[in-house]
Amino acid sequence: MNTPKHWQDPVNACVGVAILLSPFLADYAFVLPALANAMIVGTLLFTASVGAAVIGRAWVECAVVALGAWMLASPWALALPDERSRDMALLLGSVVVMLGTRRLAEMRSRQRARGPLA
């Protein structure tokens, strides 16, 4: 088994699972747009996080950040009527964006340290 290339990816995978479970844990599974959004984004985030942990490419990290950004925008884009679903989307989306952008910054600084020809 491969070990993760950095600590952010296992955490993001856990956040993906939290997104998947959030409609049931926060009791907003009756809000169908929020439920569908959580199922789709949670599954994609978990998959992208596992992929990022294994292959460690910048484009996978960008996908993770994009999913987090969608979670931040989704309450307004989907016009979610439930306050709990909005709060969960904003909280979990913020965590994903912060972890993903931190990892991208680390990757960029490592690449700069290696030099242009490395």
N, C-alpha and C. Protein backbone atom coordinates (compact mmCIF):
# COMPACT_ATOMS: atom_id res chain seq x y z
N MET A 1 0.84 -1.18 0.00
CA MET A 1 0.00 0.00 0.00
C MET A 1 0.88 1.24 0.00
N ASN A 2 0.52 2.22 -0.81
CA ASN A 2 1.24 3.47 -0.86
C ASN A 2 0.86 4.35 0.32
N THR A 3 1.85 5.06 0.86
CA THR A 3 1.55 6.02 1.90
C THR A 3 1.20 7.34 1.23
N PRO A 4 0.36 8.17 1.86
CA PRO A 4 0.00 9.46 1.28
C PRO A 4 1.22 10.34 1.07
N LYS A 5 1.21 11.12 0.02
CA LYS A 5 2.32 12.01 -0.27
C LYS A 5 2.35 13.21 0.67
N HIS A 6 1.21 13.57 1.27
CA HIS A 6 1.13 14.67 2.22
C HIS A 6 -0.11 14.51 3.07
N TRP A 7 -0.15 15.17 4.20
CA TRP A 7 -1.19 14.96 5.21
C TRP A 7 -2.54 15.52 4.81
N GLN A 8 -2.61 16.49 3.90
CA GLN A 8 -3.87 17.13 3.56
C GLN A 8 -4.85 16.18 2.86
N ASP A 9 -4.31 15.25 2.07
CA ASP A 9 -5.20 14.39 1.30
C ASP A 9 -6.02 13.43 2.16
N PRO A 10 -5.44 12.75 3.14
CA PRO A 10 -6.30 11.92 4.00
C PRO A 10 -7.35 12.75 4.75
N VAL A 11 -6.97 13.95 5.14
CA VAL A 11 -7.93 14.82 5.83
C VAL A 11 -9.06 15.19 4.87
N ASN A 12 -8.72 15.55 3.63
CA ASN A 12 -9.75 15.88 2.64
C ASN A 12 -10.62 14.67 2.32
N ALA A 13 -10.04 13.47 2.32
CA ALA A 13 -10.85 12.27 2.10
C ALA A 13 -11.86 12.11 3.23
N CYS A 14 -11.43 12.39 4.46
CA CYS A 14 -12.36 12.33 5.60
C CYS A 14 -13.43 13.41 5.49
N VAL A 15 -13.06 14.58 5.01
CA VAL A 15 -14.06 15.63 4.79
C VAL A 15 -15.04 15.20 3.71
N GLY A 16 -14.56 14.50 2.69
CA GLY A 16 -15.46 13.97 1.66
C GLY A 16 -16.49 13.03 2.25
N VAL A 17 -16.05 12.17 3.16
CA VAL A 17 -16.98 11.27 3.85
C VAL A 17 -17.94 12.09 4.72
N ALA A 18 -17.43 13.12 5.38
CA ALA A 18 -18.29 13.98 6.20
C ALA A 18 -19.35 14.67 5.34
N ILE A 19 -18.96 15.10 4.15
CA ILE A 19 -19.93 15.71 3.23
C ILE A 19 -20.99 14.69 2.84
N LEU A 20 -20.56 13.47 2.55
CA LEU A 20 -21.51 12.40 2.22
C LEU A 20 -22.51 12.15 3.34
N LEU A 21 -22.04 12.16 4.56
CA LEU A 21 -22.90 11.85 5.71
C LEU A 21 -23.64 13.07 6.27
N SER A 22 -23.22 14.27 5.91
CA SER A 22 -23.77 15.48 6.51
C SER A 22 -25.29 15.63 6.38
N PRO A 23 -25.92 15.25 5.28
CA PRO A 23 -27.39 15.39 5.24
C PRO A 23 -28.09 14.55 6.31
N PHE A 24 -27.50 13.44 6.66
CA PHE A 24 -28.13 12.57 7.65
C PHE A 24 -27.74 12.97 9.07
N LEU A 25 -26.49 13.39 9.25
CA LEU A 25 -26.02 13.79 10.57
C LEU A 25 -26.59 15.14 11.00
N ALA A 26 -26.73 16.06 10.06
CA ALA A 26 -27.25 17.39 10.38
C ALA A 26 -28.74 17.49 10.10
N ASP A 27 -29.36 16.38 9.73
CA ASP A 27 -30.81 16.28 9.56
C ASP A 27 -31.37 17.24 8.49
N TYR A 28 -30.74 17.22 7.32
CA TYR A 28 -31.33 17.96 6.20
C TYR A 28 -31.44 17.07 4.95
N ALA A 29 -31.57 15.78 5.16
CA ALA A 29 -31.71 14.84 4.05
C ALA A 29 -33.01 15.04 3.29
N PHE A 30 -33.97 15.74 3.87
CA PHE A 30 -35.24 16.02 3.21
C PHE A 30 -35.11 17.14 2.17
N VAL A 31 -34.00 17.87 2.19
CA VAL A 31 -33.77 18.94 1.21
C VAL A 31 -33.05 18.28 0.03
N LEU A 32 -33.82 17.92 -0.99
CA LEU A 32 -33.28 17.10 -2.07
C LEU A 32 -32.11 17.73 -2.83
N PRO A 33 -32.12 19.03 -3.15
CA PRO A 33 -30.93 19.58 -3.82
C PRO A 33 -29.67 19.48 -2.95
N ALA A 34 -29.83 19.71 -1.65
CA ALA A 34 -28.67 19.62 -0.75
C ALA A 34 -28.21 18.17 -0.61
N LEU A 35 -29.15 17.25 -0.58
CA LEU A 35 -28.79 15.83 -0.49
C LEU A 35 -28.04 15.38 -1.73
N ALA A 36 -28.55 15.72 -2.91
CA ALA A 36 -27.89 15.34 -4.16
C ALA A 36 -26.50 15.98 -4.25
N ASN A 37 -26.41 17.25 -3.87
CA ASN A 37 -25.12 17.94 -3.90
C ASN A 37 -24.12 17.26 -2.98
N ALA A 38 -24.55 16.91 -1.77
CA ALA A 38 -23.65 16.26 -0.81
C ALA A 38 -23.20 14.89 -1.32
N MET A 39 -24.09 14.14 -1.92
CA MET A 39 -23.72 12.82 -2.43
C MET A 39 -22.71 12.93 -3.57
N ILE A 40 -22.95 13.84 -4.49
CA ILE A 40 -22.06 13.99 -5.65
C ILE A 40 -20.71 14.56 -5.23
N VAL A 41 -20.73 15.67 -4.52
CA VAL A 41 -19.47 16.32 -4.13
C VAL A 41 -18.68 15.47 -3.15
N GLY A 42 -19.35 14.84 -2.21
CA GLY A 42 -18.64 13.98 -1.25
C GLY A 42 -17.94 12.83 -1.94
N THR A 43 -18.62 12.21 -2.89
CA THR A 43 -18.02 11.10 -3.63
C THR A 43 -16.84 11.58 -4.48
N LEU A 44 -17.03 12.69 -5.18
CA LEU A 44 -15.94 13.22 -6.02
C LEU A 44 -14.76 13.67 -5.18
N LEU A 45 -15.02 14.30 -4.04
CA LEU A 45 -13.93 14.77 -3.18
C LEU A 45 -13.16 13.59 -2.60
N PHE A 46 -13.86 12.57 -2.15
CA PHE A 46 -13.17 11.39 -1.63
C PHE A 46 -12.29 10.77 -2.71
N THR A 47 -12.83 10.62 -3.91
CA THR A 47 -12.08 10.03 -5.01
C THR A 47 -10.88 10.89 -5.39
N ALA A 48 -11.08 12.20 -5.50
CA ALA A 48 -9.97 13.10 -5.86
C ALA A 48 -8.91 13.12 -4.77
N SER A 49 -9.31 13.07 -3.51
CA SER A 49 -8.34 13.08 -2.41
C SER A 49 -7.49 11.82 -2.39
N VAL A 50 -8.13 10.69 -2.65
CA VAL A 50 -7.36 9.44 -2.73
C VAL A 50 -6.41 9.51 -3.93
N GLY A 51 -6.89 10.03 -5.05
CA GLY A 51 -6.03 10.19 -6.22
C GLY A 51 -4.87 11.13 -5.95
N ALA A 52 -5.13 12.23 -5.27
CA ALA A 52 -4.06 13.17 -4.94
C ALA A 52 -3.05 12.54 -4.00
N ALA A 53 -3.52 11.72 -3.07
CA ALA A 53 -2.61 11.06 -2.14
C ALA A 53 -1.70 10.07 -2.85
N VAL A 54 -2.21 9.45 -3.89
CA VAL A 54 -1.44 8.42 -4.59
C VAL A 54 -0.53 9.03 -5.65
N ILE A 55 -1.07 9.92 -6.49
CA ILE A 55 -0.25 10.43 -7.59
C ILE A 55 0.37 11.79 -7.32
N GLY A 56 -0.24 12.61 -6.46
CA GLY A 56 0.36 13.87 -6.05
C GLY A 56 0.64 14.86 -7.16
N ARG A 57 -0.28 15.04 -8.07
CA ARG A 57 -0.12 16.02 -9.16
C ARG A 57 -0.92 17.27 -8.86
N ALA A 58 -0.45 18.40 -9.37
CA ALA A 58 -1.11 19.68 -9.10
C ALA A 58 -2.53 19.72 -9.65
N TRP A 59 -2.78 19.10 -10.79
CA TRP A 59 -4.12 19.16 -11.37
C TRP A 59 -5.14 18.45 -10.48
N VAL A 60 -4.72 17.42 -9.75
CA VAL A 60 -5.65 16.75 -8.84
C VAL A 60 -5.95 17.67 -7.66
N GLU A 61 -4.94 18.35 -7.17
CA GLU A 61 -5.15 19.31 -6.08
C GLU A 61 -6.05 20.45 -6.53
N CYS A 62 -5.92 20.87 -7.79
CA CYS A 62 -6.80 21.90 -8.32
C CYS A 62 -8.25 21.41 -8.36
N ALA A 63 -8.45 20.15 -8.68
CA ALA A 63 -9.79 19.57 -8.66
C ALA A 63 -10.37 19.58 -7.25
N VAL A 64 -9.53 19.28 -6.27
CA VAL A 64 -9.97 19.30 -4.87
C VAL A 64 -10.39 20.72 -4.48
N VAL A 65 -9.59 21.71 -4.85
CA VAL A 65 -9.92 23.10 -4.54
C VAL A 65 -11.21 23.51 -5.25
N ALA A 66 -11.38 23.08 -6.50
CA ALA A 66 -12.60 23.41 -7.24
C ALA A 66 -13.84 22.81 -6.56
N LEU A 67 -13.72 21.59 -6.06
CA LEU A 67 -14.85 20.99 -5.34
C LEU A 67 -15.16 21.75 -4.06
N GLY A 68 -14.12 22.20 -3.36
CA GLY A 68 -14.34 23.02 -2.17
C GLY A 68 -14.99 24.35 -2.51
N ALA A 69 -14.54 24.95 -3.60
CA ALA A 69 -15.13 26.22 -4.04
C ALA A 69 -16.60 26.02 -4.42
N TRP A 70 -16.91 24.91 -5.08
CA TRP A 70 -18.31 24.62 -5.40
C TRP A 70 -19.14 24.49 -4.12
N MET A 71 -18.58 23.83 -3.10
CA MET A 71 -19.32 23.70 -1.84
C MET A 71 -19.60 25.07 -1.24
N LEU A 72 -18.66 25.99 -1.38
CA LEU A 72 -18.88 27.35 -0.87
C LEU A 72 -19.95 28.08 -1.67
N ALA A 73 -20.01 27.85 -2.96
CA ALA A 73 -20.97 28.55 -3.82
C ALA A 73 -22.32 27.85 -3.88
N SER A 74 -22.36 26.57 -3.56
CA SER A 74 -23.58 25.78 -3.77
C SER A 74 -24.82 26.26 -3.02
N PRO A 75 -24.71 26.80 -1.81
CA PRO A 75 -25.95 27.25 -1.16
C PRO A 75 -26.68 28.32 -1.98
N TRP A 76 -25.94 29.18 -2.65
CA TRP A 76 -26.57 30.22 -3.46
C TRP A 76 -26.89 29.72 -4.86
N ALA A 77 -25.99 28.92 -5.43
CA ALA A 77 -26.24 28.39 -6.77
C ALA A 77 -27.46 27.47 -6.80
N LEU A 78 -27.66 26.71 -5.73
CA LEU A 78 -28.78 25.78 -5.65
C LEU A 78 -29.97 26.38 -4.89
N ALA A 79 -29.81 27.60 -4.39
CA ALA A 79 -30.85 28.27 -3.61
C ALA A 79 -31.35 27.37 -2.48
N LEU A 80 -30.42 26.89 -1.69
CA LEU A 80 -30.78 25.97 -0.60
C LEU A 80 -31.59 26.71 0.46
N PRO A 81 -32.77 26.19 0.77
CA PRO A 81 -33.65 26.88 1.72
C PRO A 81 -33.33 26.59 3.18
N ASP A 82 -32.58 25.55 3.45
CA ASP A 82 -32.34 25.10 4.81
C ASP A 82 -31.05 25.69 5.36
N GLU A 83 -31.13 26.27 6.53
CA GLU A 83 -29.96 26.91 7.15
C GLU A 83 -28.87 25.89 7.50
N ARG A 84 -29.25 24.71 7.94
CA ARG A 84 -28.26 23.69 8.29
C ARG A 84 -27.47 23.24 7.08
N SER A 85 -28.13 23.06 5.95
CA SER A 85 -27.42 22.64 4.74
C SER A 85 -26.46 23.73 4.28
N ARG A 86 -26.87 24.99 4.40
CA ARG A 86 -25.97 26.10 4.04
C ARG A 86 -24.76 26.13 4.96
N ASP A 87 -24.99 26.00 6.25
CA ASP A 87 -23.89 26.05 7.22
C ASP A 87 -22.89 24.92 6.99
N MET A 88 -23.39 23.72 6.74
CA MET A 88 -22.50 22.58 6.50
C MET A 88 -21.71 22.77 5.21
N ALA A 89 -22.36 23.25 4.16
CA ALA A 89 -21.67 23.47 2.89
C ALA A 89 -20.56 24.51 3.07
N LEU A 90 -20.85 25.58 3.79
CA LEU A 90 -19.84 26.63 4.00
C LEU A 90 -18.69 26.15 4.88
N LEU A 91 -19.01 25.43 5.93
CA LEU A 91 -17.97 24.93 6.82
C LEU A 91 -17.06 23.92 6.11
N LEU A 92 -17.65 22.91 5.53
CA LEU A 92 -16.85 21.85 4.90
C LEU A 92 -16.15 22.35 3.64
N GLY A 93 -16.81 23.21 2.88
CA GLY A 93 -16.16 23.80 1.70
C GLY A 93 -14.96 24.65 2.08
N SER A 94 -15.07 25.38 3.17
CA SER A 94 -13.94 26.20 3.63
C SER A 94 -12.74 25.34 4.01
N VAL A 95 -13.00 24.25 4.70
CA VAL A 95 -11.91 23.35 5.09
C VAL A 95 -11.21 22.80 3.85
N VAL A 96 -11.99 22.36 2.88
CA VAL A 96 -11.41 21.78 1.65
C VAL A 96 -10.59 22.82 0.89
N VAL A 97 -11.11 24.03 0.75
CA VAL A 97 -10.38 25.07 0.03
C VAL A 97 -9.08 25.42 0.76
N MET A 98 -9.15 25.55 2.07
CA MET A 98 -7.93 25.89 2.83
C MET A 98 -6.87 24.81 2.71
N LEU A 99 -7.27 23.55 2.87
CA LEU A 99 -6.29 22.46 2.77
C LEU A 99 -5.73 22.34 1.36
N GLY A 100 -6.59 22.46 0.36
CA GLY A 100 -6.14 22.34 -1.03
C GLY A 100 -5.21 23.47 -1.45
N THR A 101 -5.55 24.70 -1.07
CA THR A 101 -4.68 25.81 -1.46
C THR A 101 -3.35 25.75 -0.71
N ARG A 102 -3.38 25.27 0.53
CA ARG A 102 -2.12 25.10 1.27
C ARG A 102 -1.22 24.09 0.56
N ARG A 103 -1.82 22.99 0.12
CA ARG A 103 -1.03 21.96 -0.56
C ARG A 103 -0.49 22.48 -1.89
N LEU A 104 -1.30 23.22 -2.63
CA LEU A 104 -0.82 23.80 -3.89
C LEU A 104 0.34 24.77 -3.64
N ALA A 105 0.25 25.56 -2.58
CA ALA A 105 1.34 26.48 -2.24
C ALA A 105 2.61 25.72 -1.88
N GLU A 106 2.47 24.61 -1.15
CA GLU A 106 3.63 23.79 -0.82
C GLU A 106 4.26 23.20 -2.09
N MET A 107 3.43 22.74 -2.99
CA MET A 107 3.95 22.16 -4.24
C MET A 107 4.68 23.22 -5.05
N ARG A 108 4.11 24.43 -5.08
CA ARG A 108 4.74 25.52 -5.85
C ARG A 108 6.07 25.93 -5.23
N SER A 109 6.14 26.01 -3.91
CA SER A 109 7.40 26.42 -3.28
C SER A 109 8.47 25.35 -3.46
N ARG A 110 8.09 24.07 -3.44
CA ARG A 110 9.05 23.01 -3.70
C ARG A 110 9.58 23.07 -5.11
N GLN A 111 8.69 23.36 -6.05
CA GLN A 111 9.12 23.44 -7.44
C GLN A 111 10.07 24.62 -7.64
N ARG A 112 9.78 25.74 -7.00
CA ARG A 112 10.68 26.89 -7.10
C ARG A 112 12.04 26.60 -6.49
N ALA A 113 12.05 25.85 -5.38
CA ALA A 113 13.31 25.53 -4.72
C ALA A 113 14.18 24.62 -5.57
N ARG A 114 13.54 23.76 -6.37
CA ARG A 114 14.31 22.87 -7.25
C ARG A 114 14.93 23.59 -8.43
N GLY A 115 14.34 24.70 -8.82
CA GLY A 115 14.88 25.45 -9.94
C GLY A 115 14.14 25.12 -11.23
N PRO A 116 14.35 25.94 -12.25
CA PRO A 116 13.61 25.78 -13.50
C PRO A 116 14.00 24.54 -14.31
N LEU A 117 15.17 24.00 -14.10
CA LEU A 117 15.61 22.88 -14.90
C LEU A 117 15.46 21.52 -14.21
N ALA A 118 14.98 21.54 -12.98
CA ALA A 118 14.86 20.28 -12.23
C ALA A 118 13.70 19.45 -12.67
